[in-house]
């Protein structure tokens, strides 16, 4: 029988936990954070490479200051 403290990496959630842990993140807090995609406004941003970001889901191209203004503060 496996102890409760031993983690399993055989499923998708276990793989996400292992990846988070390997880069020094708290896997329980990081992996289980849900994003409300039905909320109004943007909830993410992808870097373009020239100092700008494509906002998700609007697709607007913005600079860092605008990105920080649009995204909610993570706690």
PDB file of N, CA and C in Angstrom:
ATOM      1  N   UNK A   1       0.840  -1.189   0.000  1.00  0.00           N
ATOM      2  CA  UNK A   1       0.000   0.000   0.000  1.00  0.00           C
ATOM      3  C   UNK A   1       0.879   1.245   0.000  1.00  0.00           C
ATOM      4  N   UNK A   2       0.518   2.240  -0.795  1.00  0.00           N
ATOM      5  CA  UNK A   2       1.308   3.459  -0.941  1.00  0.00           C
ATOM      6  C   UNK A   2       0.953   4.444   0.167  1.00  0.00           C
ATOM      7  N   UNK A   3       1.956   5.074   0.730  1.00  0.00           N
ATOM      8  CA  UNK A   3       1.723   6.077   1.765  1.00  0.00           C
ATOM      9  C   UNK A   3       1.078   7.313   1.157  1.00  0.00           C
ATOM     10  N   UNK A   4       0.342   8.041   1.976  1.00  0.00           N
ATOM     11  CA  UNK A   4      -0.327   9.258   1.501  1.00  0.00           C
ATOM     12  C   UNK A   4       0.674  10.324   1.090  1.00  0.00           C
ATOM     13  N   UNK A   5       1.868  10.312   1.693  1.00  0.00           N
ATOM     14  CA  UNK A   5       2.859  11.337   1.373  1.00  0.00           C
ATOM     15  C   UNK A   5       3.571  11.077   0.044  1.00  0.00           C
ATOM     16  N   UNK A   6       3.466   9.859  -0.462  1.00  0.00           N
ATOM     17  CA  UNK A   6       4.118   9.544  -1.730  1.00  0.00           C
ATOM     18  C   UNK A   6       3.234  10.004  -2.885  1.00  0.00           C
ATOM     19  N   UNK A   7       3.813  10.680  -3.833  1.00  0.00           N
ATOM     20  CA  UNK A   7       3.040  11.206  -4.962  1.00  0.00           C
ATOM     21  C   UNK A   7       3.086  10.219  -6.118  1.00  0.00           C
ATOM     22  N   UNK A   8       2.037  10.213  -6.907  1.00  0.00           N
ATOM     23  CA  UNK A   8       2.016   9.422  -8.123  1.00  0.00           C
ATOM     24  C   UNK A   8       2.079  10.370  -9.313  1.00  0.00           C
ATOM     25  N   UNK A   9       2.876  10.019 -10.295  1.00  0.00           N
ATOM     26  CA  UNK A   9       3.038  10.858 -11.474  1.00  0.00           C
ATOM     27  C   UNK A   9       2.496  10.163 -12.714  1.00  0.00           C
ATOM     28  N   UNK A  10       1.626   9.184 -12.527  1.00  0.00           N
ATOM     29  CA  UNK A  10       1.156   8.382 -13.641  1.00  0.00           C
ATOM     30  C   UNK A  10      -0.045   8.973 -14.376  1.00  0.00           C
ATOM     31  N   UNK A  11      -0.648  10.027 -13.848  1.00  0.00           N
ATOM     32  CA  UNK A  11      -1.779  10.647 -14.534  1.00  0.00           C
ATOM     33  C   UNK A  11      -1.437  12.092 -14.907  1.00  0.00           C
ATOM     34  N   UNK A  12      -2.337  12.763 -15.599  1.00  0.00           N
ATOM     35  CA  UNK A  12      -2.066  14.120 -16.084  1.00  0.00           C
ATOM     36  C   UNK A  12      -1.835  15.101 -14.944  1.00  0.00           C
ATOM     37  N   UNK A  13      -2.636  15.016 -13.892  1.00  0.00           N
ATOM     38  CA  UNK A  13      -2.474  15.922 -12.764  1.00  0.00           C
ATOM     39  C   UNK A  13      -1.129  15.678 -12.071  1.00  0.00           C
ATOM     40  N   UNK A  14      -0.745  14.417 -11.952  1.00  0.00           N
ATOM     41  CA  UNK A  14       0.548  14.086 -11.362  1.00  0.00           C
ATOM     42  C   UNK A  14       1.700  14.640 -12.175  1.00  0.00           C
ATOM     43  N   UNK A  15       1.580  14.597 -13.497  1.00  0.00           N
ATOM     44  CA  UNK A  15       2.610  15.159 -14.369  1.00  0.00           C
ATOM     45  C   UNK A  15       2.715  16.667 -14.178  1.00  0.00           C
ATOM     46  N   UNK A  16       1.578  17.352 -14.050  1.00  0.00           N
ATOM     47  CA  UNK A  16       1.591  18.798 -13.820  1.00  0.00           C
ATOM     48  C   UNK A  16       2.250  19.133 -12.485  1.00  0.00           C
ATOM     49  N   UNK A  17       1.941  18.331 -11.460  1.00  0.00           N
ATOM     50  CA  UNK A  17       2.556  18.547 -10.148  1.00  0.00           C
ATOM     51  C   UNK A  17       4.068  18.362 -10.229  1.00  0.00           C
ATOM     52  N   UNK A  18       4.512  17.324 -10.942  1.00  0.00           N
ATOM     53  CA  UNK A  18       5.938  17.051 -11.067  1.00  0.00           C
ATOM     54  C   UNK A  18       6.637  18.201 -11.800  1.00  0.00           C
ATOM     55  N   UNK A  19       6.030  18.723 -12.864  1.00  0.00           N
ATOM     56  CA  UNK A  19       6.637  19.836 -13.599  1.00  0.00           C
ATOM     57  C   UNK A  19       6.716  21.080 -12.731  1.00  0.00           C
ATOM     58  N   UNK A  20       5.663  21.371 -11.972  1.00  0.00           N
ATOM     59  CA  UNK A  20       5.667  22.545 -11.091  1.00  0.00           C
ATOM     60  C   UNK A  20       6.753  22.405 -10.030  1.00  0.00           C
ATOM     61  N   UNK A  21       6.857  21.227  -9.433  1.00  0.00           N
ATOM     62  CA  UNK A  21       7.863  20.988  -8.398  1.00  0.00           C
ATOM     63  C   UNK A  21       9.272  21.090  -8.964  1.00  0.00           C
ATOM     64  N   UNK A  22       9.468  20.638 -10.197  1.00  0.00           N
ATOM     65  CA  UNK A  22      10.814  20.633 -10.780  1.00  0.00           C
ATOM     66  C   UNK A  22      11.370  22.031 -11.022  1.00  0.00           C
ATOM     67  N   UNK A  23      10.500  23.032 -11.121  1.00  0.00           N
ATOM     68  CA  UNK A  23      10.963  24.410 -11.287  1.00  0.00           C
ATOM     69  C   UNK A  23      10.825  25.222 -10.009  1.00  0.00           C
ATOM     70  N   UNK A  24      10.554  24.541  -8.895  1.00  0.00           N
ATOM     71  CA  UNK A  24      10.543  25.196  -7.601  1.00  0.00           C
ATOM     72  C   UNK A  24       9.230  25.843  -7.199  1.00  0.00           C
ATOM     73  N   UNK A  25       8.135  25.474  -7.850  1.00  0.00           N
ATOM     74  CA  UNK A  25       6.836  26.042  -7.501  1.00  0.00           C
ATOM     75  C   UNK A  25       6.106  25.150  -6.505  1.00  0.00           C
ATOM     76  N   UNK A  26       5.216  25.715  -5.744  1.00  0.00           N
ATOM     77  CA  UNK A  26       4.367  24.953  -4.843  1.00  0.00           C
ATOM     78  C   UNK A  26       3.312  24.271  -5.697  1.00  0.00           C
ATOM     79  N   UNK A  27       3.442  22.980  -5.913  1.00  0.00           N
ATOM     80  CA  UNK A  27       2.588  22.286  -6.871  1.00  0.00           C
ATOM     81  C   UNK A  27       1.119  22.267  -6.460  1.00  0.00           C
ATOM     82  N   UNK A  28       0.813  22.149  -5.190  1.00  0.00           N
ATOM     83  CA  UNK A  28      -0.585  22.114  -4.768  1.00  0.00           C
ATOM     84  C   UNK A  28      -1.281  23.441  -5.052  1.00  0.00           C
ATOM     85  N   UNK A  29      -0.603  24.543  -4.813  1.00  0.00           N
ATOM     86  CA  UNK A  29      -1.201  25.854  -5.029  1.00  0.00           C
ATOM     87  C   UNK A  29      -1.246  26.193  -6.519  1.00  0.00           C
ATOM     88  N   UNK A  30      -0.214  25.869  -7.236  1.00  0.00           N
ATOM     89  CA  UNK A  30      -0.092  26.243  -8.643  1.00  0.00           C
ATOM     90  C   UNK A  30      -1.017  25.436  -9.544  1.00  0.00           C
ATOM     91  N   UNK A  31      -1.031  24.116  -9.400  1.00  0.00           N
ATOM     92  CA  UNK A  31      -1.755  23.243 -10.320  1.00  0.00           C
ATOM     93  C   UNK A  31      -3.257  23.357 -10.171  1.00  0.00           C
ATOM     94  N   UNK A  32      -3.744  23.510  -8.974  1.00  0.00           N
ATOM     95  CA  UNK A  32      -5.182  23.464  -8.766  1.00  0.00           C
ATOM     96  C   UNK A  32      -5.882  24.816  -8.916  1.00  0.00           C
ATOM     97  N   UNK A  33      -5.186  25.800  -9.408  1.00  0.00           N
ATOM     98  CA  UNK A  33      -5.785  27.125  -9.567  1.00  0.00           C
ATOM     99  C   UNK A  33      -6.639  27.157 -10.838  1.00  0.00           C
ATOM    100  N   UNK A  34      -7.913  27.441 -10.674  1.00  0.00           N
ATOM    101  CA  UNK A  34      -8.833  27.471 -11.812  1.00  0.00           C
ATOM    102  C   UNK A  34      -8.928  28.874 -12.386  1.00  0.00           C
ATOM    103  N   UNK A  35      -9.183  28.957 -13.678  1.00  0.00           N
ATOM    104  CA  UNK A  35      -9.380  30.238 -14.353  1.00  0.00           C
ATOM    105  C   UNK A  35     -10.825  30.297 -14.796  1.00  0.00           C
ATOM    106  N   UNK A  36     -11.512  31.360 -14.418  1.00  0.00           N
ATOM    107  CA  UNK A  36     -12.897  31.559 -14.813  1.00  0.00           C
ATOM    108  C   UNK A  36     -12.906  32.171 -16.212  1.00  0.00           C
ATOM    109  N   UNK A  37     -13.130  31.337 -17.211  1.00  0.00           N
ATOM    110  CA  UNK A  37     -13.099  31.820 -18.591  1.00  0.00           C
ATOM    111  C   UNK A  37     -14.388  32.526 -18.991  1.00  0.00           C
ATOM    112  N   UNK A  38     -15.399  32.480 -18.135  1.00  0.00           N
ATOM    113  CA  UNK A  38     -16.658  33.169 -18.421  1.00  0.00           C
ATOM    114  C   UNK A  38     -16.666  34.608 -17.928  1.00  0.00           C
ATOM    115  N   UNK A  39     -15.675  34.986 -17.141  1.00  0.00           N
ATOM    116  CA  UNK A  39     -15.618  36.350 -16.606  1.00  0.00           C
ATOM    117  C   UNK A  39     -15.313  37.344 -17.725  1.00  0.00           C
ATOM    118  N   UNK A  40     -15.809  38.535 -17.564  1.00  0.00           N
ATOM    119  CA  UNK A  40     -15.561  39.579 -18.563  1.00  0.00           C
ATOM    120  C   UNK A  40     -14.106  40.021 -18.510  1.00  0.00           C
ATOM    121  N   UNK A  41     -13.548  40.370 -19.640  1.00  0.00           N
ATOM    122  CA  UNK A  41     -12.182  40.868 -19.701  1.00  0.00           C
ATOM    123  C   UNK A  41     -11.172  39.763 -19.973  1.00  0.00           C
ATOM    124  N   UNK A  42      -9.918  40.155 -19.991  1.00  0.00           N
ATOM    125  CA  UNK A  42      -8.835  39.222 -20.279  1.00  0.00           C
ATOM    126  C   UNK A  42      -8.373  38.518 -19.015  1.00  0.00           C
ATOM    127  N   UNK A  43      -7.926  37.284 -19.172  1.00  0.00           N
ATOM    128  CA  UNK A  43      -7.436  36.517 -18.039  1.00  0.00           C
ATOM    129  C   UNK A  43      -6.032  35.979 -18.262  1.00  0.00           C
ATOM    130  N   UNK A  44      -5.388  36.323 -19.367  1.00  0.00           N
ATOM    131  CA  UNK A  44      -4.041  35.852 -19.637  1.00  0.00           C
ATOM    132  C   UNK A  44      -3.389  36.656 -20.734  1.00  0.00           C
ATOM    133  N   UNK A  45      -2.076  36.400 -20.926  1.00  0.00           N
ATOM    134  CA  UNK A  45      -1.336  37.098 -21.971  1.00  0.00           C
ATOM    135  C   UNK A  45      -0.195  36.217 -22.448  1.00  0.00           C
ATOM    136  N   UNK A  46       0.045  36.222 -23.747  1.00  0.00           N
ATOM    137  CA  UNK A  46       1.153  35.488 -24.340  1.00  0.00           C
ATOM    138  C   UNK A  46       2.188  36.479 -24.845  1.00  0.00           C
ATOM    139  N   UNK A  47       3.471  36.294 -24.480  1.00  0.00           N
ATOM    140  CA  UNK A  47       4.504  37.209 -24.982  1.00  0.00           C
ATOM    141  C   UNK A  47       4.711  37.020 -26.481  1.00  0.00           C
ATOM    142  N   UNK A  48       4.890  38.115 -27.179  1.00  0.00           N
ATOM    143  CA  UNK A  48       5.119  38.063 -28.623  1.00  0.00           C
ATOM    144  C   UNK A  48       6.607  38.016 -28.929  1.00  0.00           C
ATOM    145  N   UNK A  49       7.433  38.669 -28.122  1.00  0.00           N
ATOM    146  CA  UNK A  49       8.872  38.611 -28.323  1.00  0.00           C
ATOM    147  C   UNK A  49       9.512  39.959 -28.561  1.00  0.00           C
ATOM    148  N   UNK A  50       8.725  40.965 -28.836  1.00  0.00           N
ATOM    149  CA  UNK A  50       9.261  42.300 -29.076  1.00  0.00           C
ATOM    150  C   UNK A  50       8.901  43.259 -27.941  1.00  0.00           C
ATOM    151  N   UNK A  51       8.552  42.687 -26.774  1.00  0.00           N
ATOM    152  CA  UNK A  51       8.174  43.509 -25.636  1.00  0.00           C
ATOM    153  C   UNK A  51       6.685  43.739 -25.531  1.00  0.00           C
ATOM    154  N   UNK A  52       5.927  43.142 -26.426  1.00  0.00           N
ATOM    155  CA  UNK A  52       4.479  43.268 -26.383  1.00  0.00           C
ATOM    156  C   UNK A  52       3.855  41.920 -26.065  1.00  0.00           C
ATOM    157  N   UNK A  53       2.546  41.940 -25.775  1.00  0.00           N
ATOM    158  CA  UNK A  53       1.832  40.740 -25.379  1.00  0.00           C
ATOM    159  C   UNK A  53       0.505  40.662 -26.102  1.00  0.00           C
ATOM    160  N   UNK A  54       0.073  39.433 -26.442  1.00  0.00           N
ATOM    161  CA  UNK A  54      -1.254  39.215 -27.017  1.00  0.00           C
ATOM    162  C   UNK A  54      -2.153  38.783 -25.865  1.00  0.00           C
ATOM    163  N   UNK A  55      -3.190  39.575 -25.604  1.00  0.00           N
ATOM    164  CA  UNK A  55      -4.080  39.299 -24.488  1.00  0.00           C
ATOM    165  C   UNK A  55      -5.022  38.143 -24.835  1.00  0.00           C
ATOM    166  N   UNK A  56      -5.358  37.344 -23.817  1.00  0.00           N
ATOM    167  CA  UNK A  56      -6.248  36.205 -23.981  1.00  0.00           C
ATOM    168  C   UNK A  56      -7.513  36.496 -23.197  1.00  0.00           C
ATOM    169  N   UNK A  57      -8.681  36.405 -23.743  1.00  0.00           N
ATOM    170  CA  UNK A  57      -9.058  35.951 -25.068  1.00  0.00           C
ATOM    171  C   UNK A  57      -9.260  37.061 -26.097  1.00  0.00           C
ATOM    172  N   UNK A  58      -9.089  38.327 -25.737  1.00  0.00           N
ATOM    173  CA  UNK A  58      -9.424  39.414 -26.668  1.00  0.00           C
ATOM    174  C   UNK A  58      -8.522  39.468 -27.895  1.00  0.00           C
ATOM    175  N   UNK A  59      -7.257  39.080 -27.757  1.00  0.00           N
ATOM    176  CA  UNK A  59      -6.338  39.121 -28.879  1.00  0.00           C
ATOM    177  C   UNK A  59      -5.677  40.469 -29.086  1.00  0.00           C
ATOM    178  N   UNK A  60      -5.963  41.440 -28.222  1.00  0.00           N
ATOM    179  CA  UNK A  60      -5.351  42.764 -28.327  1.00  0.00           C
ATOM    180  C   UNK A  60      -3.848  42.664 -28.100  1.00  0.00           C
ATOM    181  N   UNK A  61      -3.065  43.456 -28.845  1.00  0.00           N
ATOM    182  CA  UNK A  61      -1.620  43.529 -28.658  1.00  0.00           C
ATOM    183  C   UNK A  61      -1.350  44.750 -27.777  1.00  0.00           C
ATOM    184  N   UNK A  62      -0.694  44.510 -26.623  1.00  0.00           N
ATOM    185  CA  UNK A  62      -0.480  45.588 -25.650  1.00  0.00           C
ATOM    186  C   UNK A  62       0.952  45.556 -25.136  1.00  0.00           C
ATOM    187  N   UNK A  63       1.382  46.671 -24.513  1.00  0.00           N
ATOM    188  CA  UNK A  63       2.703  46.707 -23.888  1.00  0.00           C
ATOM    189  C   UNK A  63       2.608  46.175 -22.459  1.00  0.00           C
ATOM    190  N   UNK A  64       3.739  46.106 -21.755  1.00  0.00           N
ATOM    191  CA  UNK A  64       3.785  45.540 -20.415  1.00  0.00           C
ATOM    192  C   UNK A  64       2.903  46.301 -19.432  1.00  0.00           C
ATOM    193  N   UNK A  65       2.914  47.627 -19.503  1.00  0.00           N
ATOM    194  CA  UNK A  65       2.111  48.425 -18.571  1.00  0.00           C
ATOM    195  C   UNK A  65       0.614  48.129 -18.738  1.00  0.00           C
ATOM    196  N   UNK A  66       0.156  48.042 -19.973  1.00  0.00           N
ATOM    197  CA  UNK A  66      -1.254  47.745 -20.228  1.00  0.00           C
ATOM    198  C   UNK A  66      -1.588  46.316 -19.817  1.00  0.00           C
ATOM    199  N   UNK A  67      -0.669  45.374 -20.050  1.00  0.00           N
ATOM    200  CA  UNK A  67      -0.870  43.985 -19.624  1.00  0.00           C
ATOM    201  C   UNK A  67      -1.073  43.911 -18.112  1.00  0.00           C
ATOM    202  N   UNK A  68      -0.227  44.600 -17.366  1.00  0.00           N
ATOM    203  CA  UNK A  68      -0.324  44.569 -15.910  1.00  0.00           C
ATOM    204  C   UNK A  68      -1.622  45.218 -15.434  1.00  0.00           C
ATOM    205  N   UNK A  69      -2.076  46.241 -16.142  1.00  0.00           N
ATOM    206  CA  UNK A  69      -3.315  46.915 -15.762  1.00  0.00           C
ATOM    207  C   UNK A  69      -4.525  46.007 -15.990  1.00  0.00           C
ATOM    208  N   UNK A  70      -4.520  45.248 -17.092  1.00  0.00           N
ATOM    209  CA  UNK A  70      -5.669  44.422 -17.443  1.00  0.00           C
ATOM    210  C   UNK A  70      -5.775  43.134 -16.635  1.00  0.00           C
ATOM    211  N   UNK A  71      -4.654  42.555 -16.272  1.00  0.00           N
ATOM    212  CA  UNK A  71      -4.710  41.259 -15.583  1.00  0.00           C
ATOM    213  C   UNK A  71      -4.962  41.448 -14.096  1.00  0.00           C
ATOM    214  N   UNK A  72      -5.779  40.557 -13.520  1.00  0.00           N
ATOM    215  CA  UNK A  72      -6.033  40.655 -12.068  1.00  0.00           C
ATOM    216  C   UNK A  72      -4.785  40.269 -11.286  1.00  0.00           C
ATOM    217  N   UNK A  73      -4.694  40.793 -10.066  1.00  0.00           N
ATOM    218  CA  UNK A  73      -3.578  40.458  -9.188  1.00  0.00           C
ATOM    219  C   UNK A  73      -3.770  39.051  -8.671  1.00  0.00           C
ATOM    220  N   UNK A  74      -2.737  38.196  -8.817  1.00  0.00           N
ATOM    221  CA  UNK A  74      -2.807  36.814  -8.320  1.00  0.00           C
ATOM    222  C   UNK A  74      -2.392  36.762  -6.871  1.00  0.00           C
ATOM    223  N   UNK A  75      -3.118  36.019  -6.092  1.00  0.00           N
ATOM    224  CA  UNK A  75      -2.790  35.879  -4.671  1.00  0.00           C
ATOM    225  C   UNK A  75      -2.558  34.450  -4.332  1.00  0.00           C
TER     226      UNK A  75
END
